[in-house]
Amino acid sequence: MKKTISTLLLLSLLALLGPRPLPAQKREFPELKGTITISGAWALYPMVVKWSEEFRRLHPHVRFDISAGGAGKGIADALAGMVDIGMVSREIYPVEIQKGAWFIPVTKDAVVPVINRNHPLIGEIMKKGIRRSALARIWLQEEPPTWSELLGGKGALQVHAYTRSDSCGAAETWALFLGKKQEDLLGIGVFGDPGLNDAVRKDALGIGFNNVNYAYDAGTLKPMTGTVILPIDLNGNGMIDKDENFYGDRNAITAAIAAGRYPSPPARDLYFVCKGRPHNKLVAVFMKWILNEGQKFVSEAGYIDLSADKVAQALDRIGR
């Protein structure tokens, strides 16, 4: 009898409490389904893949078609209506805005110089670092300098400069840091972030530049095998001071970027670009999720959170 009464009381309590509510995203948009197409910047590719995986945990009927190919491809595909979203890792040009480019920032990262770990002068290079003026000589001077010249000495070890062959935000941002545009950069052109890092890894005298998430290994958080990040002598005193030495692992460099200790450029915002404000409900919901819940995945993926002001402005542009 007591057992029957207890059971009835339990059932009554459950009836009063009602069913457990679903998470906000599922309750508000239980019917979300379809495909979101995205192309563009290598810099954003790992982050967008992570976001897509997490979004599909909430909405398993949503599919993503994501491809990297450079910021130039991303914005061209978006403006041509070939994709829903273009990933762009540079500022949006006025002429692109005139053509209908609508954009929001979604996260932040930076471009860093990389050299071969087996460089014959590696010890001296890592101690002294490199000045911005020396970087300009490497990529903008018709006659490349020698490594010894850059370090204030004499020697015949020629600098082998590598740049990007594809239209991309990394090269545009790096060129802007040096006071020029991507088309002004000299060196051996290589397609894509992974390709450029690989080229430097195979050349003991090579130097290139990479987005943070292609300069560091996602597993170990250390620089990619065979390469190191070349420290920039920010105060120009001919040596890397303690407060300039933040390149040892990905967490250290992203913390420096977030704190404003790494220059901007080459630190920069990363953007989603569409042809006009997105009216596709699925695309708009995905963007809003990125700016809200999605930001919690940013730091673990090796990127930097947007400021609260930028998030609020982006949400206003989408339309709350």
C-alpha atoms as a PDB file:
ATOM      1  CA  MET A   1       0.000   0.000   0.000  1.00  0.00           C
ATOM      2  CA  LYS A   2       2.789   2.397   0.934  1.00  0.00           C
ATOM      3  CA  LYS A   3       4.566   1.560  -2.349  1.00  0.00           C
ATOM      4  CA  THR A   4       1.381   2.359  -4.330  1.00  0.00           C
ATOM      5  CA  ILE A   5       0.975   5.719  -2.571  1.00  0.00           C
ATOM      6  CA  SER A   6       4.648   6.590  -3.190  1.00  0.00           C
ATOM      7  CA  THR A   7       4.319   5.754  -6.881  1.00  0.00           C
ATOM      8  CA  LEU A   8       1.194   7.900  -7.203  1.00  0.00           C
ATOM      9  CA  LEU A   9       2.906  10.794  -5.451  1.00  0.00           C
ATOM     10  CA  LEU A  10       5.918  10.505  -7.806  1.00  0.00           C
ATOM     11  CA  LEU A  11       3.686  10.449 -10.896  1.00  0.00           C
ATOM     12  CA  SER A  12       1.762  13.476  -9.622  1.00  0.00           C
ATOM     13  CA  LEU A  13       5.000  15.375  -9.051  1.00  0.00           C
ATOM     14  CA  LEU A  14       6.274  14.596 -12.548  1.00  0.00           C
ATOM     15  CA  ALA A  15       2.966  15.738 -14.035  1.00  0.00           C
ATOM     16  CA  LEU A  16       3.219  19.039 -12.188  1.00  0.00           C
ATOM     17  CA  LEU A  17       6.814  19.598 -13.242  1.00  0.00           C
ATOM     18  CA  GLY A  18       6.056  18.763 -16.874  1.00  0.00           C
ATOM     19  CA  PRO A  19       8.643  17.733 -19.475  1.00  0.00           C
ATOM     20  CA  ARG A  20      12.177  19.161 -19.249  1.00  0.00           C
ATOM     21  CA  PRO A  21      12.559  22.089 -21.659  1.00  0.00           C
ATOM     22  CA  LEU A  22      14.894  21.695 -24.613  1.00  0.00           C
ATOM     23  CA  PRO A  23      17.946  23.975 -24.947  1.00  0.00           C
ATOM     24  CA  ALA A  24      17.037  27.406 -26.350  1.00  0.00           C
ATOM     25  CA  GLN A  25      18.434  26.761 -29.832  1.00  0.00           C
ATOM     26  CA  LYS A  26      16.542  23.475 -30.278  1.00  0.00           C
ATOM     27  CA  ARG A  27      13.302  24.806 -28.810  1.00  0.00           C
ATOM     28  CA  GLU A  28      13.280  27.937 -30.980  1.00  0.00           C
ATOM     29  CA  PHE A  29      14.460  26.300 -34.213  1.00  0.00           C
ATOM     30  CA  PRO A  30      13.585  22.577 -34.002  1.00  0.00           C
ATOM     31  CA  GLU A  31      13.069  22.363 -37.775  1.00  0.00           C
ATOM     32  CA  LEU A  32      16.451  23.700 -38.933  1.00  0.00           C
ATOM     33  CA  LYS A  33      17.700  21.785 -41.950  1.00  0.00           C
ATOM     34  CA  GLY A  34      19.484  22.475 -45.211  1.00  0.00           C
ATOM     35  CA  THR A  35      23.017  23.129 -46.437  1.00  0.00           C
ATOM     36  CA  ILE A  36      25.292  26.118 -45.816  1.00  0.00           C
ATOM     37  CA  THR A  37      28.053  26.633 -48.404  1.00  0.00           C
ATOM     38  CA  ILE A  38      31.241  28.428 -47.351  1.00  0.00           C
ATOM     39  CA  SER A  39      34.569  29.115 -49.115  1.00  0.00           C
ATOM     40  CA  GLY A  40      37.602  31.323 -48.751  1.00  0.00           C
ATOM     41  CA  ALA A  41      40.390  32.183 -46.345  1.00  0.00           C
ATOM     42  CA  TRP A  42      42.716  29.495 -45.062  1.00  0.00           C
ATOM     43  CA  ALA A  43      42.970  31.553 -41.874  1.00  0.00           C
ATOM     44  CA  LEU A  44      39.310  30.957 -40.994  1.00  0.00           C
ATOM     45  CA  TYR A  45      38.990  27.409 -42.295  1.00  0.00           C
ATOM     46  CA  PRO A  46      39.914  25.485 -39.073  1.00  0.00           C
ATOM     47  CA  MET A  47      37.668  27.718 -36.959  1.00  0.00           C
ATOM     48  CA  VAL A  48      34.677  27.393 -39.287  1.00  0.00           C
ATOM     49  CA  VAL A  49      35.083  23.606 -39.408  1.00  0.00           C
ATOM     50  CA  LYS A  50      34.984  23.563 -35.588  1.00  0.00           C
ATOM     51  CA  TRP A  51      31.921  25.812 -35.518  1.00  0.00           C
ATOM     52  CA  SER A  52      30.130  23.641 -38.080  1.00  0.00           C
ATOM     53  CA  GLU A  53      30.786  20.494 -36.034  1.00  0.00           C
ATOM     54  CA  GLU A  54      29.428  22.063 -32.858  1.00  0.00           C
ATOM     55  CA  PHE A  55      26.408  23.585 -34.623  1.00  0.00           C
ATOM     56  CA  ARG A  56      25.480  20.184 -36.064  1.00  0.00           C
ATOM     57  CA  ARG A  57      25.419  18.710 -32.555  1.00  0.00           C
ATOM     58  CA  LEU A  58      22.416  20.984 -31.972  1.00  0.00           C
ATOM     59  CA  HIS A  59      20.982  20.716 -35.489  1.00  0.00           C
ATOM     60  CA  PRO A  60      21.930  17.352 -37.032  1.00  0.00           C
ATOM     61  CA  HIS A  61      19.840  17.966 -40.170  1.00  0.00           C
ATOM     62  CA  VAL A  62      22.052  20.901 -41.192  1.00  0.00           C
ATOM     63  CA  ARG A  63      24.886  20.161 -43.629  1.00  0.00           C
ATOM     64  CA  PHE A  64      27.983  22.219 -44.417  1.00  0.00           C
ATOM     65  CA  ASP A  65      30.086  22.434 -47.585  1.00  0.00           C
ATOM     66  CA  ILE A  66      33.307  24.223 -46.574  1.00  0.00           C
ATOM     67  CA  SER A  67      36.395  24.760 -48.751  1.00  0.00           C
ATOM     68  CA  ALA A  68      39.580  26.817 -48.360  1.00  0.00           C
ATOM     69  CA  GLY A  69      41.203  28.619 -51.257  1.00  0.00           C
ATOM     70  CA  GLY A  70      42.189  32.085 -50.090  1.00  0.00           C
ATOM     71  CA  ALA A  71      40.322  35.239 -49.120  1.00  0.00           C
ATOM     72  CA  GLY A  72      40.163  36.370 -52.742  1.00  0.00           C
ATOM     73  CA  LYS A  73      38.248  33.254 -53.707  1.00  0.00           C
ATOM     74  CA  GLY A  74      35.951  33.583 -50.721  1.00  0.00           C
ATOM     75  CA  ILE A  75      34.811  37.093 -51.489  1.00  0.00           C
ATOM     76  CA  ALA A  76      34.580  36.396 -55.231  1.00  0.00           C
ATOM     77  CA  ASP A  77      32.428  33.305 -54.600  1.00  0.00           C
ATOM     78  CA  ALA A  78      30.186  35.225 -52.187  1.00  0.00           C
ATOM     79  CA  LEU A  79      29.663  38.169 -54.547  1.00  0.00           C
ATOM     80  CA  ALA A  80      28.938  35.784 -57.426  1.00  0.00           C
ATOM     81  CA  GLY A  81      26.340  33.964 -55.339  1.00  0.00           C
ATOM     82  CA  MET A  82      28.281  30.701 -55.578  1.00  0.00           C
ATOM     83  CA  VAL A  83      28.386  30.279 -51.787  1.00  0.00           C
ATOM     84  CA  ASP A  84      26.306  31.507 -48.869  1.00  0.00           C
ATOM     85  CA  ILE A  85      29.331  32.805 -46.958  1.00  0.00           C
ATOM     86  CA  GLY A  86      32.809  33.902 -48.008  1.00  0.00           C
ATOM     87  CA  MET A  87      35.621  33.647 -45.436  1.00  0.00           C
ATOM     88  CA  VAL A  88      37.839  36.739 -45.667  1.00  0.00           C
ATOM     89  CA  SER A  89      41.003  37.405 -43.657  1.00  0.00           C
ATOM     90  CA  ARG A  90      41.615  41.041 -44.587  1.00  0.00           C
ATOM     91  CA  GLU A  91      39.711  44.305 -44.598  1.00  0.00           C
ATOM     92  CA  ILE A  92      36.900  44.564 -47.130  1.00  0.00           C
ATOM     93  CA  TYR A  93      37.702  46.942 -50.001  1.00  0.00           C
ATOM     94  CA  PRO A  94      35.359  49.867 -50.838  1.00  0.00           C
ATOM     95  CA  VAL A  95      34.913  48.508 -54.384  1.00  0.00           C
ATOM     96  CA  GLU A  96      33.707  45.197 -52.899  1.00  0.00           C
ATOM     97  CA  ILE A  97      31.214  47.015 -50.708  1.00  0.00           C
ATOM     98  CA  GLN A  98      29.961  48.860 -53.800  1.00  0.00           C
ATOM     99  CA  LYS A  99      29.371  45.460 -55.412  1.00  0.00           C
ATOM    100  CA  GLY A 100      27.150  44.428 -52.517  1.00  0.00           C
ATOM    101  CA  ALA A 101      29.571  42.905 -50.008  1.00  0.00           C
ATOM    102  CA  TRP A 102      27.931  42.685 -46.589  1.00  0.00           C
ATOM    103  CA  PHE A 103      30.248  41.566 -43.785  1.00  0.00           C
ATOM    104  CA  ILE A 104      30.666  40.949 -40.063  1.00  0.00           C
ATOM    105  CA  PRO A 105      33.748  40.079 -37.974  1.00  0.00           C
ATOM    106  CA  VAL A 106      33.592  36.622 -36.381  1.00  0.00           C
ATOM    107  CA  THR A 107      36.985  36.197 -34.687  1.00  0.00           C
ATOM    108  CA  LYS A 108      40.599  37.431 -34.779  1.00  0.00           C
ATOM    109  CA  ASP A 109      44.093  36.059 -35.427  1.00  0.00           C
ATOM    110  CA  ALA A 110      47.455  37.173 -36.880  1.00  0.00           C
ATOM    111  CA  VAL A 111      50.152  36.458 -39.441  1.00  0.00           C
ATOM    112  CA  VAL A 112      53.646  35.526 -38.201  1.00  0.00           C
ATOM    113  CA  PRO A 113      57.039  35.110 -39.939  1.00  0.00           C
ATOM    114  CA  VAL A 114      58.417  31.555 -40.086  1.00  0.00           C
ATOM    115  CA  ILE A 115      61.922  30.239 -40.776  1.00  0.00           C
ATOM    116  CA  ASN A 116      63.576  26.847 -40.994  1.00  0.00           C
ATOM    117  CA  ARG A 117      64.465  25.252 -37.655  1.00  0.00           C
ATOM    118  CA  ASN A 118      67.827  24.104 -39.092  1.00  0.00           C
ATOM    119  CA  HIS A 119      68.919  27.535 -40.278  1.00  0.00           C
ATOM    120  CA  PRO A 120      72.726  27.780 -39.900  1.00  0.00           C
ATOM    121  CA  LEU A 121      72.389  31.045 -37.911  1.00  0.00           C
ATOM    122  CA  ILE A 122      69.364  29.973 -35.880  1.00  0.00           C
ATOM    123  CA  GLY A 123      70.845  30.817 -32.466  1.00  0.00           C
ATOM    124  CA  GLU A 124      71.776  34.381 -33.382  1.00  0.00           C
ATOM    125  CA  ILE A 125      68.503  34.931 -35.252  1.00  0.00           C
ATOM    126  CA  MET A 126      66.340  33.838 -32.327  1.00  0.00           C
ATOM    127  CA  LYS A 127      68.343  35.982 -29.907  1.00  0.00           C
ATOM    128  CA  LYS A 128      68.306  39.153 -31.999  1.00  0.00           C
ATOM    129  CA  GLY A 129      65.008  38.682 -33.819  1.00  0.00           C
ATOM    130  CA  ILE A 130      64.233  40.768 -36.877  1.00  0.00           C
ATOM    131  CA  ARG A 131      63.133  44.352 -37.318  1.00  0.00           C
ATOM    132  CA  ARG A 132      60.217  45.447 -39.466  1.00  0.00           C
ATOM    133  CA  SER A 133      62.652  47.334 -41.721  1.00  0.00           C
ATOM    134  CA  ALA A 134      64.589  44.103 -42.327  1.00  0.00           C
ATOM    135  CA  LEU A 135      61.389  42.258 -43.201  1.00  0.00           C
ATOM    136  CA  ALA A 136      60.647  45.000 -45.745  1.00  0.00           C
ATOM    137  CA  ARG A 137      64.089  44.455 -47.300  1.00  0.00           C
ATOM    138  CA  ILE A 138      63.389  40.735 -47.642  1.00  0.00           C
ATOM    139  CA  TRP A 139      60.055  41.021 -49.462  1.00  0.00           C
ATOM    140  CA  LEU A 140      60.291  44.422 -51.175  1.00  0.00           C
ATOM    141  CA  GLN A 141      63.916  44.781 -52.286  1.00  0.00           C
ATOM    142  CA  GLU A 142      64.747  43.538 -55.797  1.00  0.00           C
ATOM    143  CA  GLU A 143      68.170  42.284 -54.686  1.00  0.00           C
ATOM    144  CA  PRO A 144      67.595  40.086 -51.622  1.00  0.00           C
ATOM    145  CA  PRO A 145      69.894  40.734 -48.653  1.00  0.00           C
ATOM    146  CA  THR A 146      72.023  38.097 -46.996  1.00  0.00           C
ATOM    147  CA  TRP A 147      71.070  36.741 -43.598  1.00  0.00           C
ATOM    148  CA  SER A 148      74.278  38.154 -42.102  1.00  0.00           C
ATOM    149  CA  GLU A 149      73.429  41.640 -43.396  1.00  0.00           C
ATOM    150  CA  LEU A 150      70.084  41.484 -41.662  1.00  0.00           C
ATOM    151  CA  LEU A 151      71.839  40.566 -38.425  1.00  0.00           C
ATOM    152  CA  GLY A 152      74.339  43.410 -38.714  1.00  0.00           C
ATOM    153  CA  GLY A 153      77.307  41.370 -39.944  1.00  0.00           C
ATOM    154  CA  LYS A 154      78.858  40.020 -43.119  1.00  0.00           C
ATOM    155  CA  GLY A 155      78.245  36.747 -44.889  1.00  0.00           C
ATOM    156  CA  ALA A 156      77.057  35.168 -48.118  1.00  0.00           C
ATOM    157  CA  LEU A 157      74.029  33.182 -46.940  1.00  0.00           C
ATOM    158  CA  GLN A 158      71.303  34.488 -49.241  1.00  0.00           C
ATOM    159  CA  VAL A 159      67.764  34.933 -47.929  1.00  0.00           C
ATOM    160  CA  HIS A 160      65.229  32.734 -49.743  1.00  0.00           C
ATOM    161  CA  ALA A 161      61.890  34.542 -49.466  1.00  0.00           C
ATOM    162  CA  TYR A 162      58.565  32.778 -50.010  1.00  0.00           C
ATOM    163  CA  THR A 163      55.199  34.433 -50.514  1.00  0.00           C
ATOM    164  CA  ARG A 164      51.688  33.355 -51.472  1.00  0.00           C
ATOM    165  CA  SER A 165      50.741  32.795 -55.102  1.00  0.00           C
ATOM    166  CA  ASP A 166      46.992  32.922 -54.386  1.00  0.00           C
ATOM    167  CA  SER A 167      45.010  36.064 -53.585  1.00  0.00           C
ATOM    168  CA  CYS A 168      44.813  35.841 -49.812  1.00  0.00           C
ATOM    169  CA  GLY A 169      44.361  37.785 -46.637  1.00  0.00           C
ATOM    170  CA  ALA A 170      47.630  36.570 -45.087  1.00  0.00           C
ATOM    171  CA  ALA A 171      49.746  38.074 -47.874  1.00  0.00           C
ATOM    172  CA  GLU A 172      47.641  41.250 -48.012  1.00  0.00           C
ATOM    173  CA  THR A 173      47.930  41.676 -44.236  1.00  0.00           C
ATOM    174  CA  TRP A 174      51.663  40.965 -44.266  1.00  0.00           C
ATOM    175  CA  ALA A 175      52.178  43.454 -47.094  1.00  0.00           C
ATOM    176  CA  LEU A 176      50.143  46.058 -45.189  1.00  0.00           C
ATOM    177  CA  PHE A 177      52.449  45.558 -42.188  1.00  0.00           C
ATOM    178  CA  LEU A 178      55.332  46.411 -44.548  1.00  0.00           C
ATOM    179  CA  GLY A 179      53.488  49.397 -46.022  1.00  0.00           C
ATOM    180  CA  LYS A 180      52.542  47.820 -49.359  1.00  0.00           C
ATOM    181  CA  LYS A 181      50.011  45.521 -51.084  1.00  0.00           C
ATOM    182  CA  GLN A 182      50.185  41.804 -51.835  1.00  0.00           C
ATOM    183  CA  GLU A 183      51.178  42.384 -55.477  1.00  0.00           C
ATOM    184  CA  ASP A 184      54.280  44.257 -54.246  1.00  0.00           C
ATOM    185  CA  LEU A 185      55.665  41.263 -52.327  1.00  0.00           C
ATOM    186  CA  LEU A 186      58.651  39.560 -53.949  1.00  0.00           C
ATOM    187  CA  GLY A 187      59.734  35.953 -53.499  1.00  0.00           C
ATOM    188  CA  ILE A 188      58.815  32.479 -54.618  1.00  0.00           C
ATOM    189  CA  GLY A 189      55.034  32.153 -54.854  1.00  0.00           C
ATOM    190  CA  VAL A 190      53.439  29.151 -53.125  1.00  0.00           C
ATOM    191  CA  PHE A 191      49.745  28.254 -53.000  1.00  0.00           C
ATOM    192  CA  GLY A 192      48.021  28.118 -49.636  1.00  0.00           C
ATOM    193  CA  ASP A 193      49.086  28.293 -46.004  1.00  0.00           C
ATOM    194  CA  PRO A 194      50.133  24.625 -45.703  1.00  0.00           C
ATOM    195  CA  GLY A 195      52.160  24.834 -48.905  1.00  0.00           C
ATOM    196  CA  LEU A 196      54.076  27.900 -47.777  1.00  0.00           C
ATOM    197  CA  ASN A 197      54.990  26.389 -44.422  1.00  0.00           C
ATOM    198  CA  ASP A 198      56.106  23.210 -46.178  1.00  0.00           C
ATOM    199  CA  ALA A 199      58.313  25.198 -48.570  1.00  0.00           C
ATOM    200  CA  VAL A 200      60.123  26.875 -45.666  1.00  0.00           C
ATOM    201  CA  ARG A 201      60.486  23.531 -43.870  1.00  0.00           C
ATOM    202  CA  LYS A 202      62.372  22.165 -46.890  1.00  0.00           C
ATOM    203  CA  ASP A 203      64.696  25.184 -47.281  1.00  0.00           C
ATOM    204  CA  ALA A 204      67.284  25.856 -44.562  1.00  0.00           C
ATOM    205  CA  LEU A 205      67.654  29.476 -45.711  1.00  0.00           C
ATOM    206  CA  GLY A 206      63.936  30.032 -46.303  1.00  0.00           C
ATOM    207  CA  ILE A 207      61.584  32.537 -44.719  1.00  0.00           C
ATOM    208  CA  GLY A 208      57.839  32.881 -45.157  1.00  0.00           C
ATOM    209  CA  PHE A 209      54.718  33.915 -43.273  1.00  0.00           C
ATOM    210  CA  ASN A 210      51.732  31.966 -41.994  1.00  0.00           C
ATOM    211  CA  ASN A 211      48.441  32.484 -40.263  1.00  0.00           C
ATOM    212  CA  VAL A 212      48.824  31.432 -36.623  1.00  0.00           C
ATOM    213  CA  ASN A 213      46.902  28.175 -37.039  1.00  0.00           C
ATOM    214  CA  TYR A 214      49.204  27.039 -39.848  1.00  0.00           C
ATOM    215  CA  ALA A 215      52.389  28.142 -38.084  1.00  0.00           C
ATOM    216  CA  TYR A 216      51.575  26.018 -35.006  1.00  0.00           C
ATOM    217  CA  ASP A 217      50.610  22.364 -34.745  1.00  0.00           C
ATOM    218  CA  ALA A 218      47.034  21.957 -33.487  1.00  0.00           C
ATOM    219  CA  GLY A 219      47.991  18.933 -31.384  1.00  0.00           C
ATOM    220  CA  THR A 220      51.209  20.001 -29.679  1.00  0.00           C
ATOM    221  CA  LEU A 221      50.564  23.776 -29.933  1.00  0.00           C
ATOM    222  CA  LYS A 222      54.270  24.091 -30.854  1.00  0.00           C
ATOM    223  CA  PRO A 223      55.571  25.459 -34.180  1.00  0.00           C
ATOM    224  CA  MET A 224      55.099  23.108 -37.125  1.00  0.00           C
ATOM    225  CA  THR A 225      57.738  20.410 -37.496  1.00  0.00           C
ATOM    226  CA  GLY A 226      60.919  21.783 -39.080  1.00  0.00           C
ATOM    227  CA  THR A 227      60.034  25.455 -38.593  1.00  0.00           C
ATOM    228  CA  VAL A 228      60.108  28.108 -35.878  1.00  0.00           C
ATOM    229  CA  ILE A 229      58.453  31.497 -35.547  1.00  0.00           C
ATOM    230  CA  LEU A 230      60.915  34.323 -36.171  1.00  0.00           C
ATOM    231  CA  PRO A 231      60.559  36.851 -33.297  1.00  0.00           C
ATOM    232  CA  ILE A 232      59.971  40.458 -34.352  1.00  0.00           C
ATOM    233  CA  ASP A 233      62.180  43.039 -32.629  1.00  0.00           C
ATOM    234  CA  LEU A 234      59.322  45.401 -31.862  1.00  0.00           C
ATOM    235  CA  ASN A 235      61.287  48.107 -30.048  1.00  0.00           C
ATOM    236  CA  GLY A 236      64.237  47.967 -32.467  1.00  0.00           C
ATOM    237  CA  ASN A 237      66.951  47.530 -29.824  1.00  0.00           C
ATOM    238  CA  GLY A 238      68.664  44.654 -31.626  1.00  0.00           C
ATOM    239  CA  MET A 239      67.519  41.891 -29.299  1.00  0.00           C
ATOM    240  CA  ILE A 240      64.373  40.049 -28.249  1.00  0.00           C
ATOM    241  CA  ASP A 241      63.396  41.250 -24.790  1.00  0.00           C
ATOM    242  CA  LYS A 242      61.392  39.164 -22.359  1.00  0.00           C
ATOM    243  CA  ASP A 243      58.137  40.963 -23.156  1.00  0.00           C
ATOM    244  CA  GLU A 244      58.698  40.317 -26.888  1.00  0.00           C
ATOM    245  CA  ASN A 245      59.353  36.588 -26.474  1.00  0.00           C
ATOM    246  CA  PHE A 246      55.862  35.090 -26.835  1.00  0.00           C
ATOM    247  CA  TYR A 247      56.260  32.744 -29.816  1.00  0.00           C
ATOM    248  CA  GLY A 248      57.061  29.437 -28.095  1.00  0.00           C
ATOM    249  CA  ASP A 249      53.559  27.991 -28.319  1.00  0.00           C
ATOM    250  CA  ARG A 250      50.149  28.878 -29.731  1.00  0.00           C
ATOM    251  CA  ASN A 251      48.657  29.855 -26.387  1.00  0.00           C
ATOM    252  CA  ALA A 252      51.437  32.379 -25.773  1.00  0.00           C
ATOM    253  CA  ILE A 253      51.080  34.092 -29.157  1.00  0.00           C
ATOM    254  CA  THR A 254      47.275  34.259 -28.990  1.00  0.00           C
ATOM    255  CA  ALA A 255      47.492  35.751 -25.494  1.00  0.00           C
ATOM    256  CA  ALA A 256      49.917  38.382 -26.816  1.00  0.00           C
ATOM    257  CA  ILE A 257      47.575  39.188 -29.709  1.00  0.00           C
ATOM    258  CA  ALA A 258      44.590  39.478 -27.366  1.00  0.00           C
ATOM    259  CA  ALA A 259      46.570  41.805 -25.080  1.00  0.00           C
ATOM    260  CA  GLY A 260      47.658  44.012 -27.986  1.00  0.00           C
ATOM    261  CA  ARG A 261      51.360  43.185 -27.599  1.00  0.00           C
ATOM    262  CA  TYR A 262      51.604  41.880 -31.164  1.00  0.00           C
ATOM    263  CA  PRO A 263      51.251  44.640 -33.790  1.00  0.00           C
ATOM    264  CA  SER A 264      48.120  45.202 -35.862  1.00  0.00           C
ATOM    265  CA  PRO A 265      48.646  44.511 -38.678  1.00  0.00           C
ATOM    266  CA  PRO A 266      49.645  41.682 -38.874  1.00  0.00           C
ATOM    267  CA  ALA A 267      47.026  40.962 -36.182  1.00  0.00           C
ATOM    268  CA  ARG A 268      43.585  41.400 -37.764  1.00  0.00           C
ATOM    269  CA  ASP A 269      39.870  40.616 -37.651  1.00  0.00           C
ATOM    270  CA  LEU A 270      38.484  37.746 -39.735  1.00  0.00           C
ATOM    271  CA  TYR A 271      35.203  38.200 -41.568  1.00  0.00           C
ATOM    272  CA  PHE A 272      32.144  36.467 -42.981  1.00  0.00           C
ATOM    273  CA  VAL A 273      31.042  38.090 -46.253  1.00  0.00           C
ATOM    274  CA  CYS A 274      27.717  37.676 -48.073  1.00  0.00           C
ATOM    275  CA  LYS A 275      26.102  39.256 -51.125  1.00  0.00           C
ATOM    276  CA  GLY A 276      23.848  41.576 -49.175  1.00  0.00           C
ATOM    277  CA  ARG A 277      22.483  40.968 -45.680  1.00  0.00           C
ATOM    278  CA  PRO A 278      21.582  37.260 -45.397  1.00  0.00           C
ATOM    279  CA  HIS A 279      17.848  36.654 -45.684  1.00  0.00           C
ATOM    280  CA  ASN A 280      18.303  32.884 -45.570  1.00  0.00           C
ATOM    281  CA  LYS A 281      17.045  31.946 -42.087  1.00  0.00           C
ATOM    282  CA  LEU A 282      19.523  29.089 -41.719  1.00  0.00           C
ATOM    283  CA  VAL A 283      22.543  31.263 -42.551  1.00  0.00           C
ATOM    284  CA  ALA A 284      21.358  34.027 -40.204  1.00  0.00           C
ATOM    285  CA  VAL A 285      20.794  31.589 -37.317  1.00  0.00           C
ATOM    286  CA  PHE A 286      24.260  30.082 -37.824  1.00  0.00           C
ATOM    287  CA  MET A 287      25.878  33.531 -37.741  1.00  0.00           C
ATOM    288  CA  LYS A 288      23.993  34.524 -34.579  1.00  0.00           C
ATOM    289  CA  TRP A 289      25.014  31.262 -32.919  1.00  0.00           C
ATOM    290  CA  ILE A 290      28.684  31.937 -33.809  1.00  0.00           C
ATOM    291  CA  LEU A 291      28.532  35.396 -32.217  1.00  0.00           C
ATOM    292  CA  ASN A 292      26.903  34.019 -29.063  1.00  0.00           C
ATOM    293  CA  GLU A 293      27.473  30.381 -28.043  1.00  0.00           C
ATOM    294  CA  GLY A 294      30.074  29.837 -30.752  1.00  0.00           C
ATOM    295  CA  GLN A 295      32.547  32.281 -29.210  1.00  0.00           C
ATOM    296  CA  LYS A 296      33.283  29.802 -26.411  1.00  0.00           C
ATOM    297  CA  PHE A 297      35.098  27.580 -28.943  1.00  0.00           C
ATOM    298  CA  VAL A 298      37.344  30.378 -30.238  1.00  0.00           C
ATOM    299  CA  SER A 299      40.257  30.210 -27.783  1.00  0.00           C
ATOM    300  CA  GLU A 300      40.506  26.412 -27.772  1.00  0.00           C
ATOM    301  CA  ALA A 301      40.773  26.517 -31.575  1.00  0.00           C
ATOM    302  CA  GLY A 302      43.686  28.969 -31.428  1.00  0.00           C
ATOM    303  CA  TYR A 303      41.844  32.212 -32.191  1.00  0.00           C
ATOM    304  CA  ILE A 304      41.011  35.376 -30.256  1.00  0.00           C
ATOM    305  CA  ASP A 305      37.553  36.382 -28.989  1.00  0.00           C
ATOM    306  CA  LEU A 306      35.825  39.412 -30.432  1.00  0.00           C
ATOM    307  CA  SER A 307      35.189  42.288 -28.050  1.00  0.00           C
ATOM    308  CA  ALA A 308      31.680  42.602 -26.641  1.00  0.00           C
ATOM    309  CA  ASP A 309      31.181  45.800 -28.662  1.00  0.00           C
ATOM    310  CA  LYS A 310      32.070  44.088 -31.932  1.00  0.00           C
ATOM    311  CA  VAL A 311      29.775  41.172 -31.155  1.00  0.00           C
ATOM    312  CA  ALA A 312      26.890  43.549 -30.431  1.00  0.00           C
ATOM    313  CA  GLN A 313      27.517  45.521 -33.633  1.00  0.00           C
ATOM    314  CA  ALA A 314      27.660  42.338 -35.700  1.00  0.00           C
ATOM    315  CA  LEU A 315      24.394  41.069 -34.216  1.00  0.00           C
ATOM    316  CA  ASP A 316      22.761  44.389 -35.045  1.00  0.00           C
ATOM    317  CA  ARG A 317      23.936  44.084 -38.644  1.00  0.00           C
ATOM    318  CA  ILE A 318      22.387  40.630 -38.940  1.00  0.00           C
ATOM    319  CA  GLY A 319      19.180  41.815 -37.328  1.00  0.00           C
ATOM    320  CA  ARG A 320      18.277  40.502 -33.905  1.00  0.00           C
END
